[in-house]
Protein backbone atom coordinates (compact mmCIF):
# COMPACT_ATOMS: atom_id res chain seq x y z
CA MET A 1 9.95 8.91 -7.58
CA ALA A 2 12.79 10.71 -5.88
CA ASP A 3 11.80 14.06 -7.36
CA TRP A 4 8.21 13.88 -6.04
CA LYS A 5 6.85 14.52 -2.54
CA GLN A 6 3.51 12.91 -1.70
CA ILE A 7 0.92 15.32 -0.27
CA SER A 8 -1.90 13.79 1.78
CA GLY A 9 -5.39 13.84 0.32
CA ALA A 10 -7.30 12.21 -2.52
CA LEU A 11 -8.32 14.16 -5.61
CA VAL A 12 -9.57 13.26 -9.07
CA ARG A 13 -8.81 16.68 -10.60
CA ILE A 14 -6.10 19.18 -9.72
CA SER A 15 -5.01 22.48 -11.21
CA ALA A 16 -2.02 24.64 -10.35
CA GLY A 17 -1.90 28.23 -11.54
CA SER A 18 1.27 28.77 -9.55
CA ARG A 19 3.19 27.22 -6.68
CA THR A 20 0.74 28.80 -4.21
CA ASN A 21 -2.49 28.73 -6.30
CA VAL A 22 -3.43 25.04 -6.34
CA TRP A 23 -7.02 23.73 -6.38
CA GLY A 24 -8.54 20.27 -6.57
CA VAL A 25 -11.78 18.33 -6.68
CA ASN A 26 -12.31 14.94 -5.03
CA SER A 27 -14.44 12.02 -6.23
CA GLY A 28 -17.44 13.38 -4.29
CA GLY A 29 -17.27 16.75 -6.08
CA ASN A 30 -15.91 18.59 -3.02
CA ILE A 31 -13.59 21.51 -3.79
CA TYR A 32 -10.25 22.04 -2.04
CA ARG A 33 -7.66 24.80 -2.02
CA TYR A 34 -4.02 24.14 -1.14
CA THR A 35 -2.95 25.85 2.10
CA ASN A 36 0.79 25.97 1.24
CA ASN A 37 1.39 23.88 4.37
CA ASP A 38 2.25 20.26 3.53
CA ALA A 39 1.43 19.16 7.10
CA ASN A 40 -2.20 20.37 6.69
CA PRO A 41 -2.44 20.77 2.91
CA TRP A 42 -6.10 21.29 2.01
CA VAL A 43 -9.01 23.49 3.08
CA GLN A 44 -12.46 22.75 1.71
CA VAL A 45 -14.20 25.50 -0.24
CA PRO A 46 -18.03 25.54 -0.47
CA GLY A 47 -19.51 24.18 -3.68
CA ALA A 48 -19.44 21.08 -5.84
CA LEU A 49 -17.54 20.65 -9.12
CA THR A 50 -16.41 17.89 -11.45
CA ASP A 51 -13.49 19.85 -12.97
CA ILE A 52 -11.48 22.91 -11.99
CA GLY A 53 -8.88 25.21 -13.54
CA ALA A 54 -6.58 27.72 -11.84
CA ALA A 55 -4.69 30.49 -13.65
CA ALA A 56 -1.42 32.19 -12.77
CA ASP A 57 -3.26 35.43 -11.94
CA GLY A 58 -5.35 33.67 -9.26
CA THR A 59 -8.48 33.22 -11.36
CA VAL A 60 -10.25 29.89 -10.74
CA TRP A 61 -12.98 28.37 -12.92
CA GLY A 62 -15.00 25.20 -12.51
CA VAL A 63 -17.65 23.02 -14.12
CA ASN A 64 -20.28 21.06 -12.18
CA SER A 65 -21.92 17.75 -13.02
CA GLY A 66 -24.72 19.57 -14.89
CA GLY A 67 -22.26 21.31 -17.20
CA ASN A 68 -22.74 24.70 -15.52
CA ILE A 69 -19.70 26.98 -15.49
CA TYR A 70 -18.57 28.90 -12.41
CA ARG A 71 -15.86 31.45 -11.60
CA TYR A 72 -14.59 31.63 -8.01
CA THR A 73 -15.23 35.05 -6.45
CA GLY A 74 -14.67 34.21 -2.77
CA ASP A 75 -11.41 36.14 -2.69
CA LEU A 76 -12.82 39.33 -4.27
CA PRO A 77 -13.79 42.36 -2.15
CA GLY A 78 -17.46 42.77 -1.25
């Protein structure tokens, strides 16, 4: 896989809205956001999801184990 670079971590779902807007969910339902630093690639975001989707405009949506739908607002002003 010469054209691929492995990034540390373990996810069961990942979504990339752009090169810098990448989100993932691990097997425990923990949410992670890519830091754009391959040496320390992920920062955990509060919450628990089973699936996640990131859009090119920065919008991020998720679904939890109960089927509830969420939109990330942690980067919006007050």
